[in-house]
Amino acid sequence: MTLLAAETLPETLAPHAVSFPYLASLAVTTRRLAIAGIFNAGSGHPGGSLSSADLLAALYGAELYIPGGDATNPVRDRFVLSKGHAAPALYGIWAAMGWLSPEEAVTLRHRDSRCQGHPHVLDLPLSEASTGSLGQGFSVAIGMALGTRMKGLSSRAYALLGDGELQEGEVWEGAMFAAHHDLSNLLAVIDYNKLQSDDLNANICGLEPLASKWRAFGWHAIEIDGHDLPEIIGAFAAASRVTDRPTVVIAHTVKGKGVPYMENEAPWHGSVKLTRDQASEALLALGVAADRLEDWIHGRIA
């Protein structure tokens, strides 16, 4: 089994030659397609999809190693979207990379579509795990890191978590387990946009001091601006040099990043229905020309 458009892929994907303009273009395309998918679905989670786009662009555009685009190659890196409700952004980055058609990426939640509201491992080769029940994807990634190490492979496992997700006890059980086993081939990235479904994290169940908590659990912790691509890539590089413990990157982000009326507004977490006017306003804010709005809404981005 190969990636969805393997013939378009380079022989390897790895953090060797980083083009920040390229990564920025991936992030913009990811955000646009996420908005289009949510509009076409009539529901979805825009806030966390938009806040995580730069992180996904850096991961897929520069960091993950997938030899020959083969989604079953045992030496590949594994990525688990633990915050599975950000699936619109996941499908968006796959389409931006050429692994999924943009037209399919915007069929989010449609009957018989492979792009369901949360990633489904049996539908799409790139889905390493079916996620959505918060905390579980992180645990799956931990198991992948331990399993590949037991097999003597050099693969790394990556998990993207939401900050509201950190209120799940399973996350901290996993953090304790990963540190106990010195899983230096594990990298957790937290999309720390400070908002969850109903309100600020701080008003529901405060997370601070977040970095200190992870360090107390035995992790190497790095804090960055989650929209600054050089900082993101630098943090990934720093994590690769840590050989005695797992690393967590706490990426400070903006909920709804790139769409002014959504930014830092909890109601846009999800499950929301975008009107055509709202979708158009969002796409215009993301740099789509007015005469191309209809094309982007339908995934016709060429």
Protein backbone atom coordinates (compact mmCIF):
# COMPACT_ATOMS: atom_id res chain seq x y z
CA MET A 1 0.00 0.00 0.00
CA THR A 2 1.33 3.41 -0.89
CA LEU A 3 0.24 6.94 -0.22
CA LEU A 4 -2.67 8.23 -2.21
CA ALA A 5 -0.58 9.86 -4.92
CA ALA A 6 2.80 8.27 -4.38
CA GLU A 7 3.99 9.08 -7.85
CA THR A 8 4.10 12.76 -6.85
CA LEU A 9 6.35 12.18 -3.86
CA PRO A 10 10.09 12.57 -3.52
CA GLU A 11 12.04 9.45 -2.65
CA THR A 12 12.16 10.47 1.01
CA LEU A 13 10.60 13.04 3.24
CA ALA A 14 12.96 14.21 5.95
CA PRO A 15 14.10 17.44 7.69
CA HIS A 16 17.11 18.06 5.47
CA ALA A 17 16.21 20.86 3.06
CA VAL A 18 13.63 23.14 4.65
CA SER A 19 11.95 25.79 2.53
CA PHE A 20 9.96 28.08 4.80
CA PRO A 21 8.00 29.69 1.93
CA TYR A 22 6.98 26.18 0.86
CA LEU A 23 5.88 25.31 4.40
CA ALA A 24 3.94 28.58 4.64
CA SER A 25 2.15 27.77 1.40
CA LEU A 26 1.25 24.32 2.74
CA ALA A 27 -0.22 25.90 5.87
CA VAL A 28 -2.32 28.38 3.88
CA THR A 29 -3.66 25.65 1.60
CA THR A 30 -4.42 23.50 4.65
CA ARG A 31 -6.46 26.28 6.24
CA ARG A 32 -8.37 27.03 3.05
CA LEU A 33 -9.29 23.40 2.44
CA ALA A 34 -10.28 22.94 6.09
CA ILE A 35 -12.73 25.82 5.78
CA ALA A 36 -14.09 24.47 2.49
CA GLY A 37 -14.52 21.00 3.96
CA ILE A 38 -16.35 22.27 7.03
CA PHE A 39 -18.64 24.40 4.87
CA ASN A 40 -19.47 21.47 2.59
CA ALA A 41 -20.03 19.17 5.54
CA GLY A 42 -22.40 21.56 7.28
CA SER A 43 -20.48 20.89 10.49
CA GLY A 44 -16.97 20.53 11.83
CA HIS A 45 -14.27 22.02 14.02
CA PRO A 46 -12.67 25.09 12.46
CA GLY A 47 -10.94 26.63 15.50
CA GLY A 48 -8.48 23.85 16.23
CA SER A 49 -8.04 22.97 12.58
CA LEU A 50 -6.83 26.49 11.83
CA SER A 51 -4.63 26.72 14.92
CA SER A 52 -2.81 23.49 14.05
CA ALA A 53 -2.17 24.16 10.35
CA ASP A 54 1.39 25.47 10.75
CA LEU A 55 2.31 22.52 12.94
CA LEU A 56 0.94 20.06 10.40
CA ALA A 57 2.71 21.86 7.55
CA ALA A 58 6.03 21.62 9.37
CA LEU A 59 5.50 17.97 10.25
CA TYR A 60 4.44 16.75 6.84
CA GLY A 61 6.42 19.24 4.79
CA ALA A 62 9.78 18.86 6.52
CA GLU A 63 9.92 16.49 9.47
CA LEU A 64 8.29 13.12 8.86
CA TYR A 65 10.36 10.42 7.19
CA ILE A 66 8.32 8.21 4.85
CA PRO A 67 10.62 6.41 2.41
CA GLY A 68 9.24 6.29 -1.09
CA GLY A 69 5.84 7.41 0.14
CA ASP A 70 5.12 3.89 1.40
CA ALA A 71 2.58 3.98 4.22
CA THR A 72 3.43 0.41 5.26
CA ASN A 73 7.22 0.71 5.27
CA PRO A 74 8.27 -0.33 8.80
CA VAL A 75 11.02 2.32 8.99
CA ARG A 76 8.58 5.19 8.33
CA ASP A 77 7.82 7.74 11.00
CA ARG A 78 4.34 7.49 12.50
CA PHE A 79 2.05 10.47 13.05
CA VAL A 80 -1.13 10.26 15.12
CA LEU A 81 -3.65 13.11 15.19
CA SER A 82 -4.71 12.57 18.77
CA LYS A 83 -7.01 15.62 18.58
CA GLY A 84 -9.00 13.81 15.92
CA HIS A 85 -11.60 16.55 15.54
CA ALA A 86 -8.95 18.55 13.63
CA ALA A 87 -9.39 16.09 10.75
CA PRO A 88 -10.31 18.90 8.30
CA ALA A 89 -6.76 20.21 8.65
CA LEU A 90 -5.30 16.71 8.35
CA TYR A 91 -7.11 16.13 5.06
CA GLY A 92 -6.09 19.63 4.00
CA ILE A 93 -2.37 19.00 4.53
CA TRP A 94 -2.57 15.66 2.74
CA ALA A 95 -4.17 17.40 -0.23
CA ALA A 96 -1.62 20.22 -0.08
CA MET A 97 1.12 17.58 -0.22
CA GLY A 98 -0.49 15.89 -3.21
CA TRP A 99 -1.43 12.69 -1.37
CA LEU A 100 -5.17 13.28 -1.59
CA SER A 101 -7.15 15.18 -4.18
CA PRO A 102 -8.43 18.56 -2.96
CA GLU A 103 -11.86 17.64 -4.31
CA GLU A 104 -11.92 14.62 -2.00
CA ALA A 105 -10.53 16.55 0.95
CA VAL A 106 -13.60 18.81 0.95
CA THR A 107 -16.02 15.85 1.08
CA LEU A 108 -15.63 15.95 4.86
CA ARG A 109 -18.33 13.93 6.67
CA HIS A 110 -20.18 13.07 3.45
CA ARG A 111 -21.80 9.68 3.23
CA ASP A 112 -19.38 7.17 1.66
CA SER A 113 -16.51 9.67 1.80
CA ARG A 114 -13.18 8.45 3.10
CA CYS A 115 -12.72 11.83 4.80
CA GLN A 116 -14.93 11.32 7.81
CA GLY A 117 -15.26 13.68 10.77
CA HIS A 118 -12.41 11.90 12.53
CA PRO A 119 -9.57 9.98 10.87
CA HIS A 120 -10.38 6.34 10.14
CA VAL A 121 -7.47 3.94 9.82
CA LEU A 122 -9.26 1.60 7.42
CA ASP A 123 -10.25 4.33 4.96
CA LEU A 124 -7.01 6.18 4.30
CA PRO A 125 -3.50 4.67 4.25
CA LEU A 126 -1.98 7.69 5.98
CA SER A 127 -4.24 7.34 9.03
CA GLU A 128 -2.03 5.54 11.53
CA ALA A 129 -4.92 5.34 14.00
CA SER A 130 -8.62 6.06 14.26
CA THR A 131 -8.85 8.94 16.72
CA GLY A 132 -11.42 11.18 18.30
CA SER A 133 -11.83 9.88 21.83
CA LEU A 134 -9.38 12.29 23.40
CA GLY A 135 -6.26 10.89 25.01
CA GLN A 136 -6.36 7.59 23.17
CA GLY A 137 -4.39 8.72 20.11
CA PHE A 138 -1.53 9.79 22.35
CA SER A 139 -1.49 6.34 23.93
CA VAL A 140 -1.41 4.73 20.48
CA ALA A 141 1.60 6.85 19.52
CA ILE A 142 3.36 5.79 22.72
CA GLY A 143 2.77 2.17 21.79
CA MET A 144 4.15 2.80 18.32
CA ALA A 145 7.30 4.39 19.75
CA LEU A 146 7.86 1.47 22.11
CA GLY A 147 7.06 -1.15 19.48
CA THR A 148 9.39 0.22 16.82
CA ARG A 149 12.18 0.54 19.35
CA MET A 150 11.67 -3.07 20.47
CA LYS A 151 12.05 -4.07 16.81
CA GLY A 152 15.30 -2.17 16.57
CA LEU A 153 13.94 0.38 14.10
CA SER A 154 15.02 4.01 13.97
CA SER A 155 11.46 5.26 13.41
CA ARG A 156 10.01 8.11 15.43
CA ALA A 157 6.41 8.50 16.58
CA TYR A 158 4.65 11.87 16.68
CA ALA A 159 1.35 12.84 18.26
CA LEU A 160 -0.54 16.13 18.01
CA LEU A 161 -2.69 16.83 21.06
CA GLY A 162 -5.13 19.57 21.91
CA ASP A 163 -4.83 21.48 25.15
CA GLY A 164 -8.34 20.56 26.31
CA GLU A 165 -7.30 16.96 25.68
CA LEU A 166 -4.69 17.32 28.43
CA GLN A 167 -7.53 17.24 30.96
CA GLU A 168 -7.88 13.52 30.22
CA GLY A 169 -6.22 11.30 32.81
CA GLU A 170 -5.09 8.91 30.09
CA VAL A 171 -2.70 11.56 28.80
CA TRP A 172 -0.85 11.72 32.09
CA GLU A 173 -0.80 7.93 32.49
CA GLY A 174 0.77 7.79 29.05
CA ALA A 175 3.23 10.55 29.85
CA MET A 176 4.37 8.65 32.94
CA PHE A 177 4.72 5.38 30.97
CA ALA A 178 6.66 7.00 28.10
CA ALA A 179 9.14 8.64 30.47
CA HIS A 180 9.57 5.40 32.43
CA HIS A 181 10.61 3.68 29.20
CA ASP A 182 12.84 6.57 28.07
CA LEU A 183 11.05 6.83 24.72
CA SER A 184 13.34 9.37 23.09
CA ASN A 185 11.82 8.42 19.72
CA LEU A 186 8.50 9.94 20.80
CA LEU A 187 7.54 13.58 20.20
CA ALA A 188 4.29 15.03 21.50
CA VAL A 189 3.16 18.39 20.09
CA ILE A 190 0.50 20.36 21.95
CA ASP A 191 -1.68 22.80 20.04
CA TYR A 192 -1.92 25.18 22.98
CA ASN A 193 -4.55 27.66 21.84
CA LYS A 194 -5.93 28.10 25.41
CA LEU A 195 -9.55 27.40 24.38
CA GLN A 196 -11.68 24.29 24.36
CA SER A 197 -15.27 23.54 23.48
CA ASP A 198 -16.99 25.93 25.87
CA ASP A 199 -14.51 28.37 27.32
CA LEU A 200 -10.90 29.07 28.21
CA ASN A 201 -8.99 26.10 29.58
CA ALA A 202 -8.23 28.22 32.63
CA ASN A 203 -11.94 28.55 33.41
CA ILE A 204 -12.69 24.84 33.00
CA CYS A 205 -9.64 23.01 34.32
CA GLY A 206 -6.41 25.00 34.35
CA LEU A 207 -3.29 23.46 32.84
CA GLU A 208 -0.54 25.74 34.10
CA PRO A 209 2.27 25.43 34.88
CA LEU A 210 2.15 23.20 31.83
CA ALA A 211 5.84 22.88 30.94
CA SER A 212 6.71 22.21 34.58
CA LYS A 213 4.13 19.42 34.71
CA TRP A 214 5.66 17.64 31.75
CA ARG A 215 9.17 18.07 33.13
CA ALA A 216 8.00 16.65 36.46
CA PHE A 217 6.77 13.60 34.55
CA GLY A 218 10.27 13.12 33.13
CA TRP A 219 9.88 14.75 29.72
CA HIS A 220 12.06 17.25 27.91
CA ALA A 221 9.77 20.25 27.33
CA ILE A 222 10.16 23.00 24.73
CA GLU A 223 7.86 26.04 24.42
CA ILE A 224 7.48 27.82 21.08
CA ASP A 225 5.28 30.08 19.01
CA GLY A 226 3.21 27.51 17.15
CA HIS A 227 2.78 29.80 14.13
CA ASP A 228 6.49 30.59 13.69
CA LEU A 229 7.77 28.01 11.21
CA PRO A 230 11.49 28.45 11.99
CA GLU A 231 10.72 28.00 15.69
CA ILE A 232 8.68 24.88 14.96
CA ILE A 233 11.41 23.33 12.82
CA GLY A 234 14.03 24.32 15.39
CA ALA A 235 12.06 22.59 18.14
CA PHE A 236 11.75 19.41 16.09
CA ALA A 237 15.50 19.46 15.48
CA ALA A 238 16.18 19.98 19.17
CA ALA A 239 13.90 17.06 20.04
CA SER A 240 15.83 14.76 17.73
CA ARG A 241 18.98 15.45 19.77
CA VAL A 242 17.39 14.30 23.04
CA THR A 243 18.37 10.68 23.55
CA ASP A 244 17.31 9.85 27.10
CA ARG A 245 13.64 10.85 27.34
CA PRO A 246 10.59 11.79 25.28
CA THR A 247 10.06 15.40 24.22
CA VAL A 248 6.96 17.56 24.28
CA VAL A 249 6.69 20.73 22.19
CA ILE A 250 4.21 23.14 23.74
CA ALA A 251 3.16 25.25 20.76
CA HIS A 252 1.39 28.46 21.73
CA THR A 253 -1.23 29.06 19.05
CA VAL A 254 -4.30 31.12 18.25
CA LYS A 255 -7.65 29.38 18.00
CA GLY A 256 -9.08 30.07 14.53
CA LYS A 257 -5.75 31.45 13.26
CA GLY A 258 -6.03 33.36 9.99
CA VAL A 259 -9.75 34.11 10.13
CA PRO A 260 -10.26 37.27 12.22
CA TYR A 261 -13.86 36.61 13.24
CA MET A 262 -12.87 33.16 14.56
CA GLU A 263 -9.63 34.03 16.34
CA ASN A 264 -9.68 33.43 20.11
CA GLU A 265 -13.42 32.74 20.09
CA ALA A 266 -14.50 29.54 21.87
CA PRO A 267 -17.77 29.09 19.92
CA TRP A 268 -15.71 28.37 16.78
CA HIS A 269 -14.18 25.30 18.38
CA GLY A 270 -16.89 23.15 16.70
CA SER A 271 -19.35 21.57 15.79
CA VAL A 272 -20.42 24.60 13.81
CA LYS A 273 -22.22 25.12 10.55
CA LEU A 274 -20.65 27.73 8.31
CA THR A 275 -22.92 29.77 6.11
CA ARG A 276 -21.76 30.53 2.59
CA ASP A 277 -21.13 34.14 3.60
CA GLN A 278 -19.03 33.02 6.58
CA ALA A 279 -17.06 30.55 4.46
CA SER A 280 -16.48 33.21 1.82
CA GLU A 281 -15.32 35.73 4.42
CA ALA A 282 -12.94 33.16 5.88
CA LEU A 283 -11.48 32.25 2.49
CA LEU A 284 -11.04 35.90 1.57
CA ALA A 285 -9.19 36.44 4.86
CA LEU A 286 -6.96 33.52 3.92
CA GLY A 287 -6.01 35.20 0.66
CA VAL A 288 -8.36 33.59 -1.84
CA ALA A 289 -9.26 35.99 -4.66
CA ALA A 290 -12.94 36.87 -4.87
CA ASP A 291 -13.28 35.32 -8.32
CA ARG A 292 -11.82 32.02 -7.05
CA LEU A 293 -14.07 31.53 -4.05
CA GLU A 294 -16.35 29.00 -5.74
CA ASP A 295 -13.38 27.00 -6.98
CA TRP A 296 -11.85 26.72 -3.52
CA ILE A 297 -15.17 25.82 -1.93
CA HIS A 298 -15.31 22.80 -4.23
CA GLY A 299 -11.63 21.93 -3.92
CA ARG A 300 -10.71 23.10 -7.39
CA ILE A 301 -7.45 24.73 -6.40
CA ALA A 302 -5.28 24.26 -9.51
